PDB file of N, CA and C in Angstrom:
ATOM      1  N   MET A   1      38.654  74.489 -47.102  1.00  0.00           N
ATOM      2  CA  MET A   1      39.348  73.183 -47.268  1.00  0.00           C
ATOM      3  C   MET A   1      38.403  72.055 -47.010  1.00  0.00           C
ATOM      4  N   SER A   2      38.536  70.999 -47.812  1.00  0.00           N
ATOM      5  CA  SER A   2      37.668  69.873 -47.746  1.00  0.00           C
ATOM      6  C   SER A   2      38.301  68.882 -46.722  1.00  0.00           C
ATOM      7  N   LYS A   3      37.378  68.102 -46.073  1.00  0.00           N
ATOM      8  CA  LYS A   3      37.826  67.045 -45.143  1.00  0.00           C
ATOM      9  C   LYS A   3      37.269  65.783 -45.645  1.00  0.00           C
ATOM     10  N   ARG A   4      37.988  64.711 -45.533  1.00  0.00           N
ATOM     11  CA  ARG A   4      37.596  63.412 -45.819  1.00  0.00           C
ATOM     12  C   ARG A   4      36.793  62.825 -44.716  1.00  0.00           C
ATOM     13  N   LEU A   5      35.724  62.123 -45.000  1.00  0.00           N
ATOM     14  CA  LEU A   5      34.948  61.374 -43.919  1.00  0.00           C
ATOM     15  C   LEU A   5      34.703  60.010 -44.328  1.00  0.00           C
ATOM     16  N   GLN A   6      35.110  59.053 -43.521  1.00  0.00           N
ATOM     17  CA  GLN A   6      34.929  57.679 -43.837  1.00  0.00           C
ATOM     18  C   GLN A   6      33.967  57.107 -42.787  1.00  0.00           C
ATOM     19  N   ILE A   7      32.972  56.439 -43.252  1.00  0.00           N
ATOM     20  CA  ILE A   7      32.006  55.776 -42.329  1.00  0.00           C
ATOM     21  C   ILE A   7      31.806  54.305 -42.815  1.00  0.00           C
ATOM     22  N   LEU A   8      31.459  53.568 -41.885  1.00  0.00           N
ATOM     23  CA  LEU A   8      31.207  52.067 -42.186  1.00  0.00           C
ATOM     24  C   LEU A   8      29.648  51.859 -42.012  1.00  0.00           C
ATOM     25  N   LEU A   9      29.105  51.244 -43.058  1.00  0.00           N
ATOM     26  CA  LEU A   9      27.681  50.943 -43.011  1.00  0.00           C
ATOM     27  C   LEU A   9      27.440  49.462 -43.262  1.00  0.00           C
ATOM     28  N   PRO A  10      26.396  48.982 -42.642  1.00  0.00           N
ATOM     29  CA  PRO A  10      26.014  47.562 -42.901  1.00  0.00           C
ATOM     30  C   PRO A  10      25.708  47.471 -44.397  1.00  0.00           C
ATOM     31  N   GLU A  11      26.009  46.309 -44.933  1.00  0.00           N
ATOM     32  CA  GLU A  11      25.858  46.066 -46.381  1.00  0.00           C
ATOM     33  C   GLU A  11      24.519  46.415 -46.903  1.00  0.00           C
ATOM     34  N   GLU A  12      23.574  46.093 -46.155  1.00  0.00           N
ATOM     35  CA  GLU A  12      22.137  46.331 -46.532  1.00  0.00           C
ATOM     36  C   GLU A  12      21.848  47.858 -46.664  1.00  0.00           C
ATOM     37  N   GLU A  13      22.316  48.712 -45.706  1.00  0.00           N
ATOM     38  CA  GLU A  13      22.109  50.174 -45.869  1.00  0.00           C
ATOM     39  C   GLU A  13      22.853  50.632 -47.074  1.00  0.00           C
ATOM     40  N   TYR A  14      24.089  50.228 -47.332  1.00  0.00           N
ATOM     41  CA  TYR A  14      24.827  50.696 -48.418  1.00  0.00           C
ATOM     42  C   TYR A  14      24.153  50.384 -49.727  1.00  0.00           C
ATOM     43  N   LYS A  15      23.569  49.236 -49.910  1.00  0.00           N
ATOM     44  CA  LYS A  15      22.868  48.783 -51.055  1.00  0.00           C
ATOM     45  C   LYS A  15      21.606  49.736 -51.246  1.00  0.00           C
ATOM     46  N   GLU A  16      20.969  50.085 -50.202  1.00  0.00           N
ATOM     47  CA  GLU A  16      19.819  50.932 -50.267  1.00  0.00           C
ATOM     48  C   GLU A  16      20.315  52.313 -50.806  1.00  0.00           C
ATOM     49  N   ILE A  17      21.318  52.868 -50.215  1.00  0.00           N
ATOM     50  CA  ILE A  17      21.884  54.103 -50.636  1.00  0.00           C
ATOM     51  C   ILE A  17      22.374  54.031 -52.149  1.00  0.00           C
ATOM     52  N   GLN A  18      22.957  52.993 -52.534  1.00  0.00           N
ATOM     53  CA  GLN A  18      23.402  52.787 -53.837  1.00  0.00           C
ATOM     54  C   GLN A  18      22.231  52.837 -54.817  1.00  0.00           C
ATOM     55  N   THR A  19      21.171  52.114 -54.461  1.00  0.00           N
ATOM     56  CA  THR A  19      19.999  52.053 -55.392  1.00  0.00           C
ATOM     57  C   THR A  19      19.376  53.458 -55.451  1.00  0.00           C
ATOM     58  N   ILE A  20      19.174  54.227 -54.339  1.00  0.00           N
ATOM     59  CA  ILE A  20      18.654  55.491 -54.377  1.00  0.00           C
ATOM     60  C   ILE A  20      19.426  56.426 -55.143  1.00  0.00           C
ATOM     61  N   SER A  21      20.697  56.366 -54.938  1.00  0.00           N
ATOM     62  CA  SER A  21      21.656  57.362 -55.661  1.00  0.00           C
ATOM     63  C   SER A  21      21.558  57.068 -57.217  1.00  0.00           C
ATOM     64  N   ARG A  22      21.477  55.851 -57.564  1.00  0.00           N
ATOM     65  CA  ARG A  22      21.382  55.593 -58.953  1.00  0.00           C
ATOM     66  C   ARG A  22      20.147  56.077 -59.591  1.00  0.00           C
ATOM     67  N   LEU A  23      18.977  55.878 -58.822  1.00  0.00           N
ATOM     68  CA  LEU A  23      17.652  56.478 -59.276  1.00  0.00           C
ATOM     69  C   LEU A  23      17.777  57.996 -59.484  1.00  0.00           C
ATOM     70  N   ASP A  24      18.379  58.627 -58.509  1.00  0.00           N
ATOM     71  CA  ASP A  24      18.660  60.130 -58.633  1.00  0.00           C
ATOM     72  C   ASP A  24      19.669  60.519 -59.548  1.00  0.00           C
ATOM     73  N   LYS A  25      20.336  59.515 -60.185  1.00  0.00           N
ATOM     74  CA  LYS A  25      21.387  59.778 -61.152  1.00  0.00           C
ATOM     75  C   LYS A  25      22.578  60.578 -60.589  1.00  0.00           C
ATOM     76  N   LYS A  26      22.999  60.214 -59.365  1.00  0.00           N
ATOM     77  CA  LYS A  26      24.091  60.808 -58.688  1.00  0.00           C
ATOM     78  C   LYS A  26      25.042  59.785 -58.198  1.00  0.00           C
ATOM     79  N   THR A  27      26.195  60.229 -57.790  1.00  0.00           N
ATOM     80  CA  THR A  27      27.201  59.292 -57.189  1.00  0.00           C
ATOM     81  C   THR A  27      26.750  59.085 -55.754  1.00  0.00           C
ATOM     82  N   ILE A  28      27.195  58.045 -55.212  1.00  0.00           N
ATOM     83  CA  ILE A  28      26.809  57.786 -53.767  1.00  0.00           C
ATOM     84  C   ILE A  28      27.405  59.022 -52.941  1.00  0.00           C
ATOM     85  N   ALA A  29      28.663  59.385 -53.244  1.00  0.00           N
ATOM     86  CA  ALA A  29      29.131  60.600 -52.445  1.00  0.00           C
ATOM     87  C   ALA A  29      28.350  61.793 -52.504  1.00  0.00           C
ATOM     88  N   GLU A  30      27.919  62.160 -53.750  1.00  0.00           N
ATOM     89  CA  GLU A  30      27.067  63.272 -53.861  1.00  0.00           C
ATOM     90  C   GLU A  30      25.685  63.153 -53.184  1.00  0.00           C
ATOM     91  N   TRP A  31      25.084  62.008 -53.264  1.00  0.00           N
ATOM     92  CA  TRP A  31      23.859  61.768 -52.600  1.00  0.00           C
ATOM     93  C   TRP A  31      24.009  61.916 -51.108  1.00  0.00           C
ATOM     94  N   VAL A  32      25.020  61.361 -50.493  1.00  0.00           N
ATOM     95  CA  VAL A  32      25.364  61.445 -49.083  1.00  0.00           C
ATOM     96  C   VAL A  32      25.523  62.826 -48.686  1.00  0.00           C
ATOM     97  N   ARG A  33      26.363  63.607 -49.500  1.00  0.00           N
ATOM     98  CA  ARG A  33      26.680  65.116 -49.131  1.00  0.00           C
ATOM     99  C   ARG A  33      25.272  65.822 -49.175  1.00  0.00           C
ATOM    100  N   GLN A  34      24.494  65.575 -50.175  1.00  0.00           N
ATOM    101  CA  GLN A  34      23.155  66.374 -50.168  1.00  0.00           C
ATOM    102  C   GLN A  34      22.313  65.944 -48.984  1.00  0.00           C
ATOM    103  N   SER A  35      22.356  64.637 -48.661  1.00  0.00           N
ATOM    104  CA  SER A  35      21.471  64.247 -47.475  1.00  0.00           C
ATOM    105  C   SER A  35      22.022  64.877 -46.186  1.00  0.00           C
ATOM    106  N   ILE A  36      23.321  64.922 -46.027  1.00  0.00           N
ATOM    107  CA  ILE A  36      23.897  65.686 -44.787  1.00  0.00           C
ATOM    108  C   ILE A  36      23.556  67.050 -44.814  1.00  0.00           C
ATOM    109  N   ARG A  37      23.644  67.768 -45.968  1.00  0.00           N
ATOM    110  CA  ARG A  37      23.323  69.179 -46.067  1.00  0.00           C
ATOM    111  C   ARG A  37      21.840  69.392 -45.690  1.00  0.00           C
ATOM    112  N   SER A  38      20.988  68.525 -46.133  1.00  0.00           N
ATOM    113  CA  SER A  38      19.519  68.670 -45.954  1.00  0.00           C
ATOM    114  C   SER A  38      19.264  68.411 -44.456  1.00  0.00           C
ATOM    115  N   SER A  39      19.942  67.505 -43.829  1.00  0.00           N
ATOM    116  CA  SER A  39      19.682  67.232 -42.369  1.00  0.00           C
ATOM    117  C   SER A  39      20.267  68.464 -41.505  1.00  0.00           C
ATOM    118  N   ILE A  40      21.325  69.019 -41.956  1.00  0.00           N
ATOM    119  CA  ILE A  40      21.893  70.168 -41.166  1.00  0.00           C
ATOM    120  C   ILE A  40      20.925  71.333 -41.252  1.00  0.00           C
ATOM    121  N   LYS A  41      20.366  71.573 -42.492  1.00  0.00           N
ATOM    122  CA  LYS A  41      19.415  72.650 -42.644  1.00  0.00           C
ATOM    123  C   LYS A  41      18.167  72.540 -41.820  1.00  0.00           C
ATOM    124  N   GLU A  42      17.798  71.328 -41.581  1.00  0.00           N
ATOM    125  CA  GLU A  42      16.651  71.007 -40.718  1.00  0.00           C
ATOM    126  C   GLU A  42      16.878  71.448 -39.242  1.00  0.00           C
ATOM    127  N   ARG A  43      18.124  71.220 -38.822  1.00  0.00           N
ATOM    128  CA  ARG A  43      18.506  71.373 -37.477  1.00  0.00           C
ATOM    129  C   ARG A  43      19.091  72.737 -37.024  1.00  0.00           C
ATOM    130  N   VAL A  44      19.616  73.500 -38.004  1.00  0.00           N
ATOM    131  CA  VAL A  44      20.214  74.734 -37.752  1.00  0.00           C
ATOM    132  C   VAL A  44      19.137  75.841 -37.726  1.00  0.00           C
ATOM    133  N   PRO A  45      19.176  76.578 -36.710  1.00  0.00           N
ATOM    134  CA  PRO A  45      18.143  77.664 -36.582  1.00  0.00           C
ATOM    135  C   PRO A  45      18.306  78.689 -37.730  1.00  0.00           C
ATOM    136  N   GLU A  46      17.158  79.239 -38.198  1.00  0.00           N
ATOM    137  CA  GLU A  46      17.151  80.191 -39.219  1.00  0.00           C
ATOM    138  C   GLU A  46      17.941  81.420 -38.869  1.00  0.00           C
ATOM    139  N   GLU A  47      18.497  82.196 -39.831  1.00  0.00           N
ATOM    140  CA  GLU A  47      19.170  83.337 -39.600  1.00  0.00           C
ATOM    141  C   GLU A  47      18.239  84.452 -39.105  1.00  0.00           C
ATOM    142  N   SER A  48      18.717  85.369 -38.445  1.00  0.00           N
ATOM    143  CA  SER A  48      17.818  86.391 -37.705  1.00  0.00           C
ATOM    144  C   SER A  48      16.960  87.155 -38.707  1.00  0.00           C
ATOM    145  N   GLU A  49      17.666  87.509 -39.909  1.00  0.00           N
ATOM    146  CA  GLU A  49      16.874  88.230 -41.012  1.00  0.00           C
ATOM    147  C   GLU A  49      15.727  87.435 -41.442  1.00  0.00           C
ATOM    148  N   LYS A  50      15.842  86.189 -41.609  1.00  0.00           N
ATOM    149  CA  LYS A  50      14.734  85.347 -42.151  1.00  0.00           C
ATOM    150  C   LYS A  50      13.657  85.185 -41.162  1.00  0.00           C
ATOM    151  N   LYS A  51      14.051  85.126 -39.836  1.00  0.00           N
ATOM    152  CA  LYS A  51      13.012  85.090 -38.822  1.00  0.00           C
ATOM    153  C   LYS A  51      12.215  86.362 -38.747  1.00  0.00           C
ATOM    154  N   ILE A  52      12.947  87.497 -38.728  1.00  0.00           N
ATOM    155  CA  ILE A  52      12.257  88.805 -38.710  1.00  0.00           C
ATOM    156  C   ILE A  52      11.287  88.902 -39.965  1.00  0.00           C
ATOM    157  N   ALA A  53      11.784  88.521 -41.079  1.00  0.00           N
ATOM    158  CA  ALA A  53      10.958  88.579 -42.318  1.00  0.00           C
ATOM    159  C   ALA A  53       9.697  87.792 -42.185  1.00  0.00           C
ATOM    160  N   ARG A  54       9.814  86.668 -41.539  1.00  0.00           N
ATOM    161  CA  ARG A  54       8.658  85.820 -41.368  1.00  0.00           C
ATOM    162  C   ARG A  54       7.656  86.429 -40.416  1.00  0.00           C
ATOM    163  N   ILE A  55       8.154  87.017 -39.369  1.00  0.00           N
ATOM    164  CA  ILE A  55       7.306  87.634 -38.331  1.00  0.00           C
ATOM    165  C   ILE A  55       6.595  88.878 -39.052  1.00  0.00           C
ATOM    166  N   LEU A  56       7.327  89.593 -39.735  1.00  0.00           N
ATOM    167  CA  LEU A  56       6.774  90.815 -40.394  1.00  0.00           C
ATOM    168  C   LEU A  56       5.761  90.472 -41.403  1.00  0.00           C
ATOM    169  N   SER A  57       5.903  89.240 -42.015  1.00  0.00           N
ATOM    170  CA  SER A  57       4.796  88.866 -43.035  1.00  0.00           C
ATOM    171  C   SER A  57       3.482  88.622 -42.356  1.00  0.00           C
ATOM    172  N   PHE A  58       3.505  88.304 -41.094  1.00  0.00           N
ATOM    173  CA  PHE A  58       2.258  88.120 -40.385  1.00  0.00           C
ATOM    174  C   PHE A  58       1.738  89.482 -39.725  1.00  0.00           C
ATOM    175  N   ALA A  59       2.590  90.430 -39.675  1.00  0.00           N
ATOM    176  CA  ALA A  59       2.178  91.684 -39.046  1.00  0.00           C
ATOM    177  C   ALA A  59       1.205  92.445 -39.900  1.00  0.00           C
ATOM    178  N   LYS A  60       1.090  92.045 -41.227  1.00  0.00           N
ATOM    179  CA  LYS A  60       0.056  92.753 -42.055  1.00  0.00           C
ATOM    180  C   LYS A  60      -1.277  92.329 -41.752  1.00  0.00           C
ATOM    181  N   TYR A  61      -1.519  91.186 -41.148  1.00  0.00           N
ATOM    182  CA  TYR A  61      -2.847  90.840 -40.784  1.00  0.00           C
ATOM    183  C   TYR A  61      -3.337  91.520 -39.481  1.00  0.00           C
ATOM    184  N   SER A  62      -4.540  91.904 -39.510  1.00  0.00           N
ATOM    185  CA  SER A  62      -5.071  92.534 -38.258  1.00  0.00           C
ATOM    186  C   SER A  62      -5.837  91.599 -37.552  1.00  0.00           C
ATOM    187  N   GLY A  63      -5.928  91.674 -36.291  1.00  0.00           N
ATOM    188  CA  GLY A  63      -6.671  90.796 -35.428  1.00  0.00           C
ATOM    189  C   GLY A  63      -7.341  91.566 -34.378  1.00  0.00           C
ATOM    190  N   PRO A  64      -8.133  90.966 -33.572  1.00  0.00           N
ATOM    191  CA  PRO A  64      -8.783  91.687 -32.451  1.00  0.00           C
ATOM    192  C   PRO A  64      -7.789  92.233 -31.468  1.00  0.00           C
ATOM    193  N   THR A  65      -8.076  93.462 -31.138  1.00  0.00           N
ATOM    194  CA  THR A  65      -7.222  94.101 -30.149  1.00  0.00           C
ATOM    195  C   THR A  65      -8.143  94.756 -29.080  1.00  0.00           C
ATOM    196  N   GLY A  66      -7.415  94.986 -27.814  1.00  0.00           N
ATOM    197  CA  GLY A  66      -8.295  95.500 -26.791  1.00  0.00           C
ATOM    198  C   GLY A  66      -8.039  94.720 -25.434  1.00  0.00           C
ATOM    199  N   ASP A  67      -8.767  95.071 -24.542  1.00  0.00           N
ATOM    200  CA  ASP A  67      -8.776  94.513 -23.269  1.00  0.00           C
ATOM    201  C   ASP A  67      -9.055  93.047 -23.387  1.00  0.00           C
ATOM    202  N   ILE A  68      -8.338  92.166 -22.767  1.00  0.00           N
ATOM    203  CA  ILE A  68      -8.504  90.682 -22.845  1.00  0.00           C
ATOM    204  C   ILE A  68      -9.901  90.318 -22.418  1.00  0.00           C
ATOM    205  N   GLN A  69     -10.374  90.965 -21.207  1.00  0.00           N
ATOM    206  CA  GLN A  69     -11.693  90.514 -20.649  1.00  0.00           C
ATOM    207  C   GLN A  69     -12.850  90.883 -21.564  1.00  0.00           C
ATOM    208  N   SER A  70     -12.625  92.068 -22.308  1.00  0.00           N
ATOM    209  CA  SER A  70     -13.623  92.501 -23.197  1.00  0.00           C
ATOM    210  C   SER A  70     -13.596  91.524 -24.374  1.00  0.00           C
ATOM    211  N   LEU A  71     -12.494  91.078 -24.885  1.00  0.00           N
ATOM    212  CA  LEU A  71     -12.415  90.154 -25.995  1.00  0.00           C
ATOM    213  C   LEU A  71     -13.133  88.766 -25.628  1.00  0.00           C
ATOM    214  N   LEU A  72     -12.793  88.383 -24.451  1.00  0.00           N
ATOM    215  CA  LEU A  72     -13.306  87.097 -23.977  1.00  0.00           C
ATOM    216  C   LEU A  72     -14.842  87.099 -23.887  1.00  0.00           C
ATOM    217  N   LYS A  73     -15.403  88.278 -23.447  1.00  0.00           N
ATOM    218  CA  LYS A  73     -16.837  88.425 -23.335  1.00  0.00           C
ATOM    219  C   LYS A  73     -17.418  88.363 -24.737  1.00  0.00           C
ATOM    220  N   GLU A  74     -16.874  89.063 -25.706  1.00  0.00           N
ATOM    221  CA  GLU A  74     -17.323  89.054 -27.096  1.00  0.00           C
ATOM    222  C   GLU A  74     -17.265  87.692 -27.656  1.00  0.00           C
ATOM    223  N   ILE A  75     -16.260  86.927 -27.322  1.00  0.00           N
ATOM    224  CA  ILE A  75     -16.173  85.497 -27.808  1.00  0.00           C
ATOM    225  C   ILE A  75     -17.319  84.708 -27.287  1.00  0.00           C
ATOM    226  N   GLU A  76     -17.528  84.851 -25.931  1.00  0.00           N
ATOM    227  CA  GLU A  76     -18.513  84.102 -25.325  1.00  0.00           C
ATOM    228  C   GLU A  76     -19.908  84.478 -25.827  1.00  0.00           C
ATOM    229  N   LYS A  77     -20.098  85.766 -26.033  1.00  0.00           N
ATOM    230  CA  LYS A  77     -21.343  86.267 -26.544  1.00  0.00           C
ATOM    231  C   LYS A  77     -21.588  85.686 -27.980  1.00  0.00           C
ATOM    232  N   GLY A  78     -20.554  85.585 -28.761  1.00  0.00           N
ATOM    233  CA  GLY A  78     -20.702  84.944 -30.100  1.00  0.00           C
ATOM    234  C   GLY A  78     -21.063  83.474 -30.027  1.00  0.00           C
ATOM    235  N   ARG A  79     -20.596  82.857 -28.992  1.00  0.00           N
ATOM    236  CA  ARG A  79     -20.952  81.452 -28.833  1.00  0.00           C
ATOM    237  C   ARG A  79     -22.327  81.207 -28.173  1.00  0.00           C
ATOM    238  N   GLY A  80     -22.821  82.384 -27.734  1.00  0.00           N
ATOM    239  CA  GLY A  80     -24.107  82.235 -26.973  1.00  0.00           C
ATOM    240  C   GLY A  80     -24.055  81.755 -25.601  1.00  0.00           C
ATOM    241  N   GLU A  81     -22.840  81.964 -24.982  1.00  0.00           N
ATOM    242  CA  GLU A  81     -22.552  81.473 -23.614  1.00  0.00           C
ATOM    243  C   GLU A  81     -22.947  82.536 -22.547  1.00  0.00           C
ATOM    244  N   VAL A  82     -23.227  83.723 -22.921  1.00  0.00           N
ATOM    245  CA  VAL A  82     -23.533  84.741 -21.927  1.00  0.00           C
ATOM    246  C   VAL A  82     -25.008  84.862 -21.744  1.00  0.00           C
TER     247      VAL A  82
END
């Protein structure tokens, strides 16, 4: 079910939105709805499946493994610090 939302804007902001929506060839209402959806998307955490998929995409890369002290010594050796 849809809900109606009424907001009051300063005239200057309304005119800016009106101009932008015309450039995008959209109604003001559609432009506002899309802007709200975009803002929500930025703030809502990703779904678990998407997070897992992103983590697994990095699992294919191999990196150094082993004892941390050994790794640090190798790094220092490569820098010429030992």
